[in-house]
Amino acid sequence: MCLNQKEVIMLFSIIIPTYNREKLIGFAINSVIEQEFTDWELIIIDDGSTDSTKEVIEPYLKDERVKYIFQKNAERSTARNNGILKSKGQYICFLDSDDTFLNNHLLTFHEFIKNTENIGFIYSLKKGDKFISRKNKFEQVFLSDIHSQQVCIKRNFFDKDLFDPKINIGEDRELWMRIILNTDIKCTLTPTVVIIDHDDRSIHLKHSAPVFKNRTLINQLSKSYKNNLSKKVIRLKKSHAEFSIFKHFIYTDKKLKALKYLIRSIVKDPFNSWNKHKFIILLTLFKIYPKRGISEYIKK
């Protein structure tokens, strides 16, 4: 991909991939239009929607900053890549069509960029999150759930690296690990993103595929970046991946399968201080501990 720098006329390009989000995408678009900082373009990539998503979007196209592109269904990695190729901004931001920005999202990045030199990868916090500093930038990305909605990345880094179309769960973390090989990473420490929880999210606990795909990706990244990550951090993340599978089977009321992955989670990182909570859950499954043991700790 070759970028003509003369065509860079927008400071921020925001890319929204969408698929059958007629009930939610309006909230996402409005959260861009209502930004306090106004130098942006919004590129909506419709990944083959079969509902009324297009009709919902059409009124917004009166704003010349908003662009709509329809493509044959190819998953969100390809949709985001398509948006990157069509974009003209100096910095690229992303927004899922079922989430929203707070009004300060772009302004926060703009102010941060003005006061920070030579940083190609910046991210904000999700509403309700607390910033936890890690040992190095690879561990920061590997351990933290830095969603695509949170990032602001200098456009030239996409000359070399794009989303892997073969990955549709954890594709953002995989790309971030590649990008930070060539740049530092900074957090604004400011919440600017709202993740909307609903049953139709692709990563909802009712679905089995996401948690197993996530575990596969974590194992792959652990091997690829073993020289950049401590063994302690790898154990911790692998333990988290097993615990996510446990939560899926608890949610779907398959307690025997859940037990297997709870034990795997403990074994992956046996000396983790948080294992005391897992043992409480374990006792709950064996009806030795009150049922609230799971409800208290399942979201941790």
C-alpha atoms as a PDB file:
ATOM      1  CA  MET A   1       0.000   0.000   0.000  1.00  0.00           C
ATOM      2  CA  CYS A   2       1.446   3.342  -1.042  1.00  0.00           C
ATOM      3  CA  LEU A   3       0.115   6.550   0.491  1.00  0.00           C
ATOM      4  CA  ASN A   4       0.267   9.885  -1.267  1.00  0.00           C
ATOM      5  CA  GLN A   5       1.054  12.374   1.492  1.00  0.00           C
ATOM      6  CA  LYS A   6      -0.461  15.210  -0.551  1.00  0.00           C
ATOM      7  CA  GLU A   7      -3.851  13.555  -0.072  1.00  0.00           C
ATOM      8  CA  VAL A   8      -3.648  13.718   3.721  1.00  0.00           C
ATOM      9  CA  ILE A   9      -6.141  16.469   4.485  1.00  0.00           C
ATOM     10  CA  MET A  10      -7.884  15.205   7.625  1.00  0.00           C
ATOM     11  CA  LEU A  11      -6.260  14.928  11.008  1.00  0.00           C
ATOM     12  CA  PHE A  12      -8.325  11.915  12.112  1.00  0.00           C
ATOM     13  CA  SER A  13      -9.885   9.151  10.034  1.00  0.00           C
ATOM     14  CA  ILE A  14     -12.426   7.110  11.997  1.00  0.00           C
ATOM     15  CA  ILE A  15     -13.326   3.708  10.604  1.00  0.00           C
ATOM     16  CA  ILE A  16     -16.522   1.882  11.575  1.00  0.00           C
ATOM     17  CA  PRO A  17     -16.974  -1.669  10.291  1.00  0.00           C
ATOM     18  CA  THR A  18     -20.574  -2.811  10.588  1.00  0.00           C
ATOM     19  CA  TYR A  19     -22.735  -5.833   9.937  1.00  0.00           C
ATOM     20  CA  ASN A  20     -26.481  -5.898  10.645  1.00  0.00           C
ATOM     21  CA  ARG A  21     -26.408  -3.200  13.306  1.00  0.00           C
ATOM     22  CA  GLU A  22     -29.505  -1.233  12.306  1.00  0.00           C
ATOM     23  CA  LYS A  23     -30.534  -0.753  15.952  1.00  0.00           C
ATOM     24  CA  LEU A  24     -27.157   0.427  17.266  1.00  0.00           C
ATOM     25  CA  ILE A  25     -25.092   2.061  14.535  1.00  0.00           C
ATOM     26  CA  GLY A  26     -26.927   5.381  14.847  1.00  0.00           C
ATOM     27  CA  PHE A  27     -25.577   5.769  18.382  1.00  0.00           C
ATOM     28  CA  ALA A  28     -22.035   5.089  17.148  1.00  0.00           C
ATOM     29  CA  ILE A  29     -22.302   7.636  14.313  1.00  0.00           C
ATOM     30  CA  ASN A  30     -23.832  10.280  16.564  1.00  0.00           C
ATOM     31  CA  SER A  31     -20.971   9.866  19.021  1.00  0.00           C
ATOM     32  CA  VAL A  32     -18.562  10.830  16.211  1.00  0.00           C
ATOM     33  CA  ILE A  33     -20.645  13.760  14.973  1.00  0.00           C
ATOM     34  CA  GLU A  34     -20.881  15.117  18.526  1.00  0.00           C
ATOM     35  CA  GLN A  35     -17.096  15.216  19.020  1.00  0.00           C
ATOM     36  CA  GLU A  36     -15.717  18.431  20.481  1.00  0.00           C
ATOM     37  CA  PHE A  37     -12.859  18.230  17.959  1.00  0.00           C
ATOM     38  CA  THR A  38     -14.271  18.499  14.444  1.00  0.00           C
ATOM     39  CA  ASP A  39     -11.398  17.848  12.021  1.00  0.00           C
ATOM     40  CA  TRP A  40     -12.260  14.265  11.087  1.00  0.00           C
ATOM     41  CA  GLU A  41     -13.631  11.992   8.412  1.00  0.00           C
ATOM     42  CA  LEU A  42     -15.831   8.992   9.177  1.00  0.00           C
ATOM     43  CA  ILE A  43     -15.641   5.945   6.915  1.00  0.00           C
ATOM     44  CA  ILE A  44     -18.357   3.342   7.448  1.00  0.00           C
ATOM     45  CA  ILE A  45     -17.606  -0.038   5.903  1.00  0.00           C
ATOM     46  CA  ASP A  46     -20.788  -2.104   5.608  1.00  0.00           C
ATOM     47  CA  ASP A  47     -19.648  -5.736   5.630  1.00  0.00           C
ATOM     48  CA  GLY A  48     -22.582  -7.078   3.641  1.00  0.00           C
ATOM     49  CA  SER A  49     -25.479  -6.183   5.952  1.00  0.00           C
ATOM     50  CA  THR A  50     -28.824  -7.752   5.100  1.00  0.00           C
ATOM     51  CA  ASP A  51     -30.946  -5.636   7.456  1.00  0.00           C
ATOM     52  CA  SER A  52     -31.751  -1.906   7.280  1.00  0.00           C
ATOM     53  CA  THR A  53     -28.268  -0.713   8.243  1.00  0.00           C
ATOM     54  CA  LYS A  54     -27.852   1.186   4.965  1.00  0.00           C
ATOM     55  CA  GLU A  55     -31.171   2.996   5.378  1.00  0.00           C
ATOM     56  CA  VAL A  56     -30.220   4.051   8.916  1.00  0.00           C
ATOM     57  CA  ILE A  57     -26.891   5.436   7.671  1.00  0.00           C
ATOM     58  CA  GLU A  58     -28.217   7.351   4.639  1.00  0.00           C
ATOM     59  CA  PRO A  59     -29.392  10.516   6.482  1.00  0.00           C
ATOM     60  CA  TYR A  60     -25.903  10.952   7.960  1.00  0.00           C
ATOM     61  CA  LEU A  61     -24.355  11.111   4.491  1.00  0.00           C
ATOM     62  CA  LYS A  62     -25.568  14.700   4.207  1.00  0.00           C
ATOM     63  CA  ASP A  63     -22.496  15.512   6.294  1.00  0.00           C
ATOM     64  CA  GLU A  64     -19.665  15.493   3.758  1.00  0.00           C
ATOM     65  CA  ARG A  65     -17.304  14.123   6.402  1.00  0.00           C
ATOM     66  CA  VAL A  66     -19.277  10.859   6.504  1.00  0.00           C
ATOM     67  CA  LYS A  67     -18.622   8.217   3.826  1.00  0.00           C
ATOM     68  CA  TYR A  68     -20.363   4.880   3.277  1.00  0.00           C
ATOM     69  CA  ILE A  69     -18.842   1.853   1.510  1.00  0.00           C
ATOM     70  CA  PHE A  70     -20.613  -1.472   1.008  1.00  0.00           C
ATOM     71  CA  GLN A  71     -18.575  -4.641   0.576  1.00  0.00           C
ATOM     72  CA  LYS A  72     -19.342  -8.326   0.277  1.00  0.00           C
ATOM     73  CA  ASN A  73     -19.232  -9.976   3.702  1.00  0.00           C
ATOM     74  CA  ALA A  74     -15.591 -10.674   4.553  1.00  0.00           C
ATOM     75  CA  GLU A  75     -15.408 -10.114   8.357  1.00  0.00           C
ATOM     76  CA  ARG A  76     -14.281  -7.045  10.266  1.00  0.00           C
ATOM     77  CA  SER A  77     -10.513  -7.356   9.721  1.00  0.00           C
ATOM     78  CA  THR A  78     -11.002  -6.994   5.975  1.00  0.00           C
ATOM     79  CA  ALA A  79     -13.570  -4.235   6.531  1.00  0.00           C
ATOM     80  CA  ARG A  80     -11.158  -2.228   8.678  1.00  0.00           C
ATOM     81  CA  ASN A  81      -8.366  -2.729   6.132  1.00  0.00           C
ATOM     82  CA  ASN A  82     -10.668  -1.462   3.406  1.00  0.00           C
ATOM     83  CA  GLY A  83     -11.398   1.608   5.497  1.00  0.00           C
ATOM     84  CA  ILE A  84      -7.690   2.236   6.077  1.00  0.00           C
ATOM     85  CA  LEU A  85      -7.047   2.077   2.327  1.00  0.00           C
ATOM     86  CA  LYS A  86      -9.810   4.637   1.700  1.00  0.00           C
ATOM     87  CA  SER A  87      -8.769   6.987   4.496  1.00  0.00           C
ATOM     88  CA  LYS A  88      -6.923  10.302   4.188  1.00  0.00           C
ATOM     89  CA  GLY A  89      -6.212  11.186   7.811  1.00  0.00           C
ATOM     90  CA  GLN A  90      -2.848  11.564   9.474  1.00  0.00           C
ATOM     91  CA  TYR A  91      -4.094   9.406  12.344  1.00  0.00           C
ATOM     92  CA  ILE A  92      -6.401   6.401  12.223  1.00  0.00           C
ATOM     93  CA  CYS A  93      -9.059   5.663  14.851  1.00  0.00           C
ATOM     94  CA  PHE A  94     -11.578   2.831  14.948  1.00  0.00           C
ATOM     95  CA  LEU A  95     -15.064   2.430  16.377  1.00  0.00           C
ATOM     96  CA  ASP A  96     -17.244  -0.672  16.452  1.00  0.00           C
ATOM     97  CA  SER A  97     -20.797  -0.051  15.349  1.00  0.00           C
ATOM     98  CA  ASP A  98     -22.243  -1.151  18.682  1.00  0.00           C
ATOM     99  CA  ASP A  99     -20.059   1.103  20.867  1.00  0.00           C
ATOM    100  CA  THR A 100     -19.625   4.858  21.287  1.00  0.00           C
ATOM    101  CA  PHE A 101     -17.059   7.583  21.866  1.00  0.00           C
ATOM    102  CA  LEU A 102     -17.407  10.116  24.634  1.00  0.00           C
ATOM    103  CA  ASN A 103     -17.391  13.726  23.359  1.00  0.00           C
ATOM    104  CA  ASN A 104     -13.769  14.203  24.386  1.00  0.00           C
ATOM    105  CA  HIS A 105     -12.347  11.261  22.426  1.00  0.00           C
ATOM    106  CA  LEU A 106     -10.692  13.059  19.507  1.00  0.00           C
ATOM    107  CA  LEU A 107      -9.881  16.198  21.500  1.00  0.00           C
ATOM    108  CA  THR A 108      -8.026  14.078  24.052  1.00  0.00           C
ATOM    109  CA  PHE A 109      -5.908  12.543  21.300  1.00  0.00           C
ATOM    110  CA  HIS A 110      -5.362  15.909  19.623  1.00  0.00           C
ATOM    111  CA  GLU A 111      -4.066  17.505  22.830  1.00  0.00           C
ATOM    112  CA  PHE A 112      -1.911  14.475  23.589  1.00  0.00           C
ATOM    113  CA  ILE A 113      -0.377  14.485  20.103  1.00  0.00           C
ATOM    114  CA  LYS A 114       0.449  18.195  20.361  1.00  0.00           C
ATOM    115  CA  ASN A 115       2.387  17.593  23.565  1.00  0.00           C
ATOM    116  CA  THR A 116       4.028  14.259  22.747  1.00  0.00           C
ATOM    117  CA  GLU A 117       6.719  13.705  20.138  1.00  0.00           C
ATOM    118  CA  ASN A 118       7.496  10.591  18.103  1.00  0.00           C
ATOM    119  CA  ILE A 119       4.712   8.384  19.474  1.00  0.00           C
ATOM    120  CA  GLY A 120       2.934   6.420  16.776  1.00  0.00           C
ATOM    121  CA  PHE A 121       0.547   4.437  18.979  1.00  0.00           C
ATOM    122  CA  ILE A 122      -1.696   6.190  21.516  1.00  0.00           C
ATOM    123  CA  TYR A 123      -4.691   4.774  23.340  1.00  0.00           C
ATOM    124  CA  SER A 124      -7.312   6.002  25.768  1.00  0.00           C
ATOM    125  CA  LEU A 125      -9.210   4.141  28.461  1.00  0.00           C
ATOM    126  CA  LYS A 126     -12.638   2.565  28.341  1.00  0.00           C
ATOM    127  CA  LYS A 127     -15.167   4.113  30.707  1.00  0.00           C
ATOM    128  CA  GLY A 128     -14.800   2.392  34.068  1.00  0.00           C
ATOM    129  CA  ASP A 129     -11.241   1.177  33.421  1.00  0.00           C
ATOM    130  CA  LYS A 130      -8.182   1.926  35.495  1.00  0.00           C
ATOM    131  CA  PHE A 131      -4.741   2.224  33.947  1.00  0.00           C
ATOM    132  CA  ILE A 132      -2.298  -0.483  35.034  1.00  0.00           C
ATOM    133  CA  SER A 133       1.308   0.043  34.004  1.00  0.00           C
ATOM    134  CA  ARG A 134       3.238  -2.973  32.756  1.00  0.00           C
ATOM    135  CA  LYS A 135       6.968  -3.697  32.570  1.00  0.00           C
ATOM    136  CA  ASN A 136       7.331  -2.999  28.849  1.00  0.00           C
ATOM    137  CA  LYS A 137       5.212  -2.089  25.841  1.00  0.00           C
ATOM    138  CA  PHE A 138       4.807  -5.697  24.684  1.00  0.00           C
ATOM    139  CA  GLU A 139       3.492  -6.775  28.061  1.00  0.00           C
ATOM    140  CA  GLN A 140       1.240  -3.707  28.098  1.00  0.00           C
ATOM    141  CA  VAL A 141      -0.462  -4.812  24.884  1.00  0.00           C
ATOM    142  CA  PHE A 142      -0.323  -8.541  25.625  1.00  0.00           C
ATOM    143  CA  LEU A 143      -1.997  -8.260  29.033  1.00  0.00           C
ATOM    144  CA  SER A 144      -4.287  -5.286  28.514  1.00  0.00           C
ATOM    145  CA  ASP A 145      -7.504  -5.512  26.506  1.00  0.00           C
ATOM    146  CA  ILE A 146      -6.783  -2.508  24.293  1.00  0.00           C
ATOM    147  CA  HIS A 147      -9.769  -2.568  21.967  1.00  0.00           C
ATOM    148  CA  SER A 148      -9.664  -1.017  18.522  1.00  0.00           C
ATOM    149  CA  GLN A 149     -12.070   1.698  19.769  1.00  0.00           C
ATOM    150  CA  GLN A 150      -9.371   2.973  22.122  1.00  0.00           C
ATOM    151  CA  VAL A 151      -6.461   3.464  19.737  1.00  0.00           C
ATOM    152  CA  CYS A 152      -5.145   6.343  17.667  1.00  0.00           C
ATOM    153  CA  ILE A 153      -2.348   5.208  15.363  1.00  0.00           C
ATOM    154  CA  LYS A 154      -0.217   7.254  13.026  1.00  0.00           C
ATOM    155  CA  ARG A 155      -1.224   6.404   9.489  1.00  0.00           C
ATOM    156  CA  ASN A 156       2.220   5.516   8.145  1.00  0.00           C
ATOM    157  CA  PHE A 157       2.378   2.398  10.344  1.00  0.00           C
ATOM    158  CA  PHE A 158      -0.372   0.894   8.220  1.00  0.00           C
ATOM    159  CA  ASP A 159       1.910   1.056   5.173  1.00  0.00           C
ATOM    160  CA  LYS A 160       3.485  -2.144   6.450  1.00  0.00           C
ATOM    161  CA  ASP A 161       0.972  -3.659   8.869  1.00  0.00           C
ATOM    162  CA  LEU A 162      -2.762  -4.258   8.463  1.00  0.00           C
ATOM    163  CA  PHE A 163      -5.270  -6.492  10.234  1.00  0.00           C
ATOM    164  CA  ASP A 164      -4.812 -10.180   9.453  1.00  0.00           C
ATOM    165  CA  PRO A 165      -7.978 -11.217   7.535  1.00  0.00           C
ATOM    166  CA  LYS A 166      -7.607 -14.774   8.835  1.00  0.00           C
ATOM    167  CA  ILE A 167      -8.112 -13.615  12.424  1.00  0.00           C
ATOM    168  CA  ASN A 168     -11.542 -12.467  13.640  1.00  0.00           C
ATOM    169  CA  ILE A 169     -11.066 -12.792  17.404  1.00  0.00           C
ATOM    170  CA  GLY A 170      -8.205 -10.880  18.986  1.00  0.00           C
ATOM    171  CA  GLU A 171      -7.215  -9.429  15.625  1.00  0.00           C
ATOM    172  CA  ASP A 172      -6.585  -6.047  17.242  1.00  0.00           C
ATOM    173  CA  ARG A 173      -4.127  -7.385  19.843  1.00  0.00           C
ATOM    174  CA  GLU A 174      -2.272  -9.333  17.145  1.00  0.00           C
ATOM    175  CA  LEU A 175      -1.886  -6.200  15.004  1.00  0.00           C
ATOM    176  CA  TRP A 176      -0.884  -3.988  17.939  1.00  0.00           C
ATOM    177  CA  MET A 177       1.949  -6.417  18.792  1.00  0.00           C
ATOM    178  CA  ARG A 178       3.309  -6.049  15.260  1.00  0.00           C
ATOM    179  CA  ILE A 179       2.951  -2.274  15.133  1.00  0.00           C
ATOM    180  CA  ILE A 180       4.747  -1.608  18.430  1.00  0.00           C
ATOM    181  CA  LEU A 181       7.834  -3.354  17.084  1.00  0.00           C
ATOM    182  CA  ASN A 182       8.438  -0.024  15.336  1.00  0.00           C
ATOM    183  CA  THR A 183       7.078   2.567  17.752  1.00  0.00           C
ATOM    184  CA  ASP A 184       6.529   3.318  21.405  1.00  0.00           C
ATOM    185  CA  ILE A 185       3.076   3.235  23.010  1.00  0.00           C
ATOM    186  CA  LYS A 186       1.417   5.711  25.364  1.00  0.00           C
ATOM    187  CA  CYS A 187      -1.904   5.900  27.209  1.00  0.00           C
ATOM    188  CA  THR A 188      -3.724   9.224  27.618  1.00  0.00           C
ATOM    189  CA  LEU A 189      -5.015   8.012  31.031  1.00  0.00           C
ATOM    190  CA  THR A 190      -8.402   9.514  30.088  1.00  0.00           C
ATOM    191  CA  PRO A 191     -11.638   7.488  29.630  1.00  0.00           C
ATOM    192  CA  THR A 192     -13.098   8.302  26.200  1.00  0.00           C
ATOM    193  CA  VAL A 193     -14.786   5.071  25.045  1.00  0.00           C
ATOM    194  CA  VAL A 194     -18.029   3.365  26.092  1.00  0.00           C
ATOM    195  CA  ILE A 195     -18.357  -0.374  25.453  1.00  0.00           C
ATOM    196  CA  ILE A 196     -22.032  -1.285  25.221  1.00  0.00           C
ATOM    197  CA  ASP A 197     -22.787  -4.728  26.611  1.00  0.00           C
ATOM    198  CA  HIS A 198     -25.510  -6.642  24.776  1.00  0.00           C
ATOM    199  CA  ASP A 199     -26.358 -10.243  23.916  1.00  0.00           C
ATOM    200  CA  ASP A 200     -25.467  -9.921  20.235  1.00  0.00           C
ATOM    201  CA  ARG A 201     -21.811  -9.000  20.779  1.00  0.00           C
ATOM    202  CA  SER A 202     -19.548 -11.383  18.851  1.00  0.00           C
ATOM    203  CA  ILE A 203     -17.526 -11.981  22.035  1.00  0.00           C
ATOM    204  CA  HIS A 204     -20.513 -12.568  24.337  1.00  0.00           C
ATOM    205  CA  LEU A 205     -20.007 -15.448  26.780  1.00  0.00           C
ATOM    206  CA  LYS A 206     -22.855 -17.403  25.208  1.00  0.00           C
ATOM    207  CA  HIS A 207     -20.600 -18.078  22.185  1.00  0.00           C
ATOM    208  CA  SER A 208     -17.947 -20.812  22.430  1.00  0.00           C
ATOM    209  CA  ALA A 209     -15.867 -19.920  19.357  1.00  0.00           C
ATOM    210  CA  PRO A 210     -14.453 -16.600  20.671  1.00  0.00           C
ATOM    211  CA  VAL A 211     -13.008 -18.022  23.888  1.00  0.00           C
ATOM    212  CA  PHE A 212     -11.337 -20.941  22.129  1.00  0.00           C
ATOM    213  CA  LYS A 213     -10.017 -18.736  19.322  1.00  0.00           C
ATOM    214  CA  ASN A 214      -8.695 -16.334  21.933  1.00  0.00           C
ATOM    215  CA  ARG A 215      -6.780 -19.160  23.633  1.00  0.00           C
ATOM    216  CA  THR A 216      -5.273 -20.225  20.308  1.00  0.00           C
ATOM    217  CA  LEU A 217      -4.153 -16.660  19.576  1.00  0.00           C
ATOM    218  CA  ILE A 218      -2.642 -16.219  23.055  1.00  0.00           C
ATOM    219  CA  ASN A 219      -0.623 -19.407  22.565  1.00  0.00           C
ATOM    220  CA  GLN A 220       0.584 -18.182  19.163  1.00  0.00           C
ATOM    221  CA  LEU A 221       1.557 -14.746  20.457  1.00  0.00           C
ATOM    222  CA  SER A 222       3.330 -16.327  23.423  1.00  0.00           C
ATOM    223  CA  LYS A 223       5.579 -18.200  21.002  1.00  0.00           C
ATOM    224  CA  SER A 224       6.084 -15.328  18.582  1.00  0.00           C
ATOM    225  CA  TYR A 225       7.011 -12.795  21.275  1.00  0.00           C
ATOM    226  CA  LYS A 226       8.644 -15.059  23.861  1.00  0.00           C
ATOM    227  CA  ASN A 227      11.760 -12.871  23.782  1.00  0.00           C
ATOM    228  CA  ASN A 228       9.698  -9.762  24.586  1.00  0.00           C
ATOM    229  CA  LEU A 229       7.515 -11.234  27.329  1.00  0.00           C
ATOM    230  CA  SER A 230       8.441 -12.627  30.727  1.00  0.00           C
ATOM    231  CA  LYS A 231       7.505 -16.218  31.542  1.00  0.00           C
ATOM    232  CA  LYS A 232       5.394 -14.886  34.418  1.00  0.00           C
ATOM    233  CA  VAL A 233       3.336 -12.713  32.059  1.00  0.00           C
ATOM    234  CA  ILE A 234       2.860 -15.582  29.591  1.00  0.00           C
ATOM    235  CA  ARG A 235       1.649 -17.873  32.386  1.00  0.00           C
ATOM    236  CA  LEU A 236      -0.754 -15.211  33.593  1.00  0.00           C
ATOM    237  CA  LYS A 237      -2.267 -14.604  30.160  1.00  0.00           C
ATOM    238  CA  LYS A 238      -2.621 -18.307  29.408  1.00  0.00           C
ATOM    239  CA  SER A 239      -4.352 -18.746  32.746  1.00  0.00           C
ATOM    240  CA  HIS A 240      -6.747 -15.903  31.860  1.00  0.00           C
ATOM    241  CA  ALA A 241      -7.519 -17.579  28.519  1.00  0.00           C
ATOM    242  CA  GLU A 242      -8.489 -20.836  30.251  1.00  0.00           C
ATOM    243  CA  PHE A 243     -10.591 -18.919  32.766  1.00  0.00           C
ATOM    244  CA  SER A 244     -12.507 -17.243  29.930  1.00  0.00           C
ATOM    245  CA  ILE A 245     -13.434 -20.709  28.634  1.00  0.00           C
ATOM    246  CA  PHE A 246     -14.539 -21.629  32.157  1.00  0.00           C
ATOM    247  CA  LYS A 247     -16.803 -18.556  32.269  1.00  0.00           C
ATOM    248  CA  HIS A 248     -18.378 -19.543  28.941  1.00  0.00           C
ATOM    249  CA  PHE A 249     -19.310 -23.012  30.222  1.00  0.00           C
ATOM    250  CA  ILE A 250     -20.629 -21.572  33.499  1.00  0.00           C
ATOM    251  CA  TYR A 251     -22.753 -19.123  31.502  1.00  0.00           C
ATOM    252  CA  THR A 252     -24.132 -21.965  29.360  1.00  0.00           C
ATOM    253  CA  ASP A 253     -24.718 -24.108  32.482  1.00  0.00           C
ATOM    254  CA  LYS A 254     -22.213 -26.849  31.590  1.00  0.00           C
ATOM    255  CA  LYS A 255     -20.610 -27.200  34.994  1.00  0.00           C
ATOM    256  CA  LEU A 256     -18.534 -30.335  34.357  1.00  0.00           C
ATOM    257  CA  LYS A 257     -16.846 -28.754  31.342  1.00  0.00           C
ATOM    258  CA  ALA A 258     -16.446 -25.539  33.295  1.00  0.00           C
ATOM    259  CA  LEU A 259     -14.668 -27.424  36.074  1.00  0.00           C
ATOM    260  CA  LYS A 260     -12.095 -28.743  33.614  1.00  0.00           C
ATOM    261  CA  TYR A 261     -11.107 -25.268  32.443  1.00  0.00           C
ATOM    262  CA  LEU A 262     -11.143 -23.812  35.940  1.00  0.00           C
ATOM    263  CA  ILE A 263      -8.567 -26.411  36.961  1.00  0.00           C
ATOM    264  CA  ARG A 264      -6.555 -25.741  33.785  1.00  0.00           C
ATOM    265  CA  SER A 265      -6.579 -22.042  34.641  1.00  0.00           C
ATOM    266  CA  ILE A 266      -5.145 -22.744  38.090  1.00  0.00           C
ATOM    267  CA  VAL A 267      -2.524 -25.159  36.740  1.00  0.00           C
ATOM    268  CA  LYS A 268      -1.342 -22.689  34.064  1.00  0.00           C
ATOM    269  CA  ASP A 269      -0.358 -20.192  36.753  1.00  0.00           C
ATOM    270  CA  PRO A 270      -0.379 -22.063  40.092  1.00  0.00           C
ATOM    271  CA  PHE A 271       1.272 -19.351  42.175  1.00  0.00           C
ATOM    272  CA  ASN A 272      -0.953 -16.481  41.123  1.00  0.00           C
ATOM    273  CA  SER A 273      -2.388 -14.669  44.140  1.00  0.00           C
ATOM    274  CA  TRP A 274      -5.825 -14.545  42.506  1.00  0.00           C
ATOM    275  CA  ASN A 275      -6.111 -18.336  42.607  1.00  0.00           C
ATOM    276  CA  LYS A 276      -7.717 -18.075  46.043  1.00  0.00           C
ATOM    277  CA  HIS A 277     -10.807 -16.734  44.273  1.00  0.00           C
ATOM    278  CA  LYS A 278     -10.723 -19.636  41.835  1.00  0.00           C
ATOM    279  CA  PHE A 279     -10.587 -22.115  44.700  1.00  0.00           C
ATOM    280  CA  ILE A 280     -13.715 -20.499  46.147  1.00  0.00           C
ATOM    281  CA  ILE A 281     -15.409 -21.019  42.780  1.00  0.00           C
ATOM    282  CA  LEU A 282     -14.130 -24.607  42.758  1.00  0.00           C
ATOM    283  CA  LEU A 283     -15.660 -25.234  46.169  1.00  0.00           C
ATOM    284  CA  THR A 284     -18.893 -23.663  44.942  1.00  0.00           C
ATOM    285  CA  LEU A 285     -19.064 -26.107  42.044  1.00  0.00           C
ATOM    286  CA  PHE A 286     -18.723 -28.969  44.534  1.00  0.00           C
ATOM    287  CA  LYS A 287     -21.459 -27.357  46.678  1.00  0.00           C
ATOM    288  CA  ILE A 288     -19.067 -26.905  49.597  1.00  0.00           C
ATOM    289  CA  TYR A 289     -19.270 -23.130  49.410  1.00  0.00           C
ATOM    290  CA  PRO A 290     -22.406 -20.961  49.026  1.00  0.00           C
ATOM    291  CA  LYS A 291     -23.588 -20.306  45.492  1.00  0.00           C
ATOM    292  CA  ARG A 292     -22.590 -16.633  45.766  1.00  0.00           C
ATOM    293  CA  GLY A 293     -18.975 -17.818  45.344  1.00  0.00           C
ATOM    294  CA  ILE A 294     -19.404 -17.816  41.582  1.00  0.00           C
ATOM    295  CA  SER A 295     -21.487 -14.662  41.329  1.00  0.00           C
ATOM    296  CA  GLU A 296     -18.868 -12.731  43.314  1.00  0.00           C
ATOM    297  CA  TYR A 297     -15.887 -13.755  41.220  1.00  0.00           C
ATOM    298  CA  ILE A 298     -17.110 -14.684  37.743  1.00  0.00           C
ATOM    299  CA  LYS A 299     -16.482 -11.157  36.386  1.00  0.00           C
ATOM    300  CA  LYS A 300     -12.918 -10.906  37.666  1.00  0.00           C
END
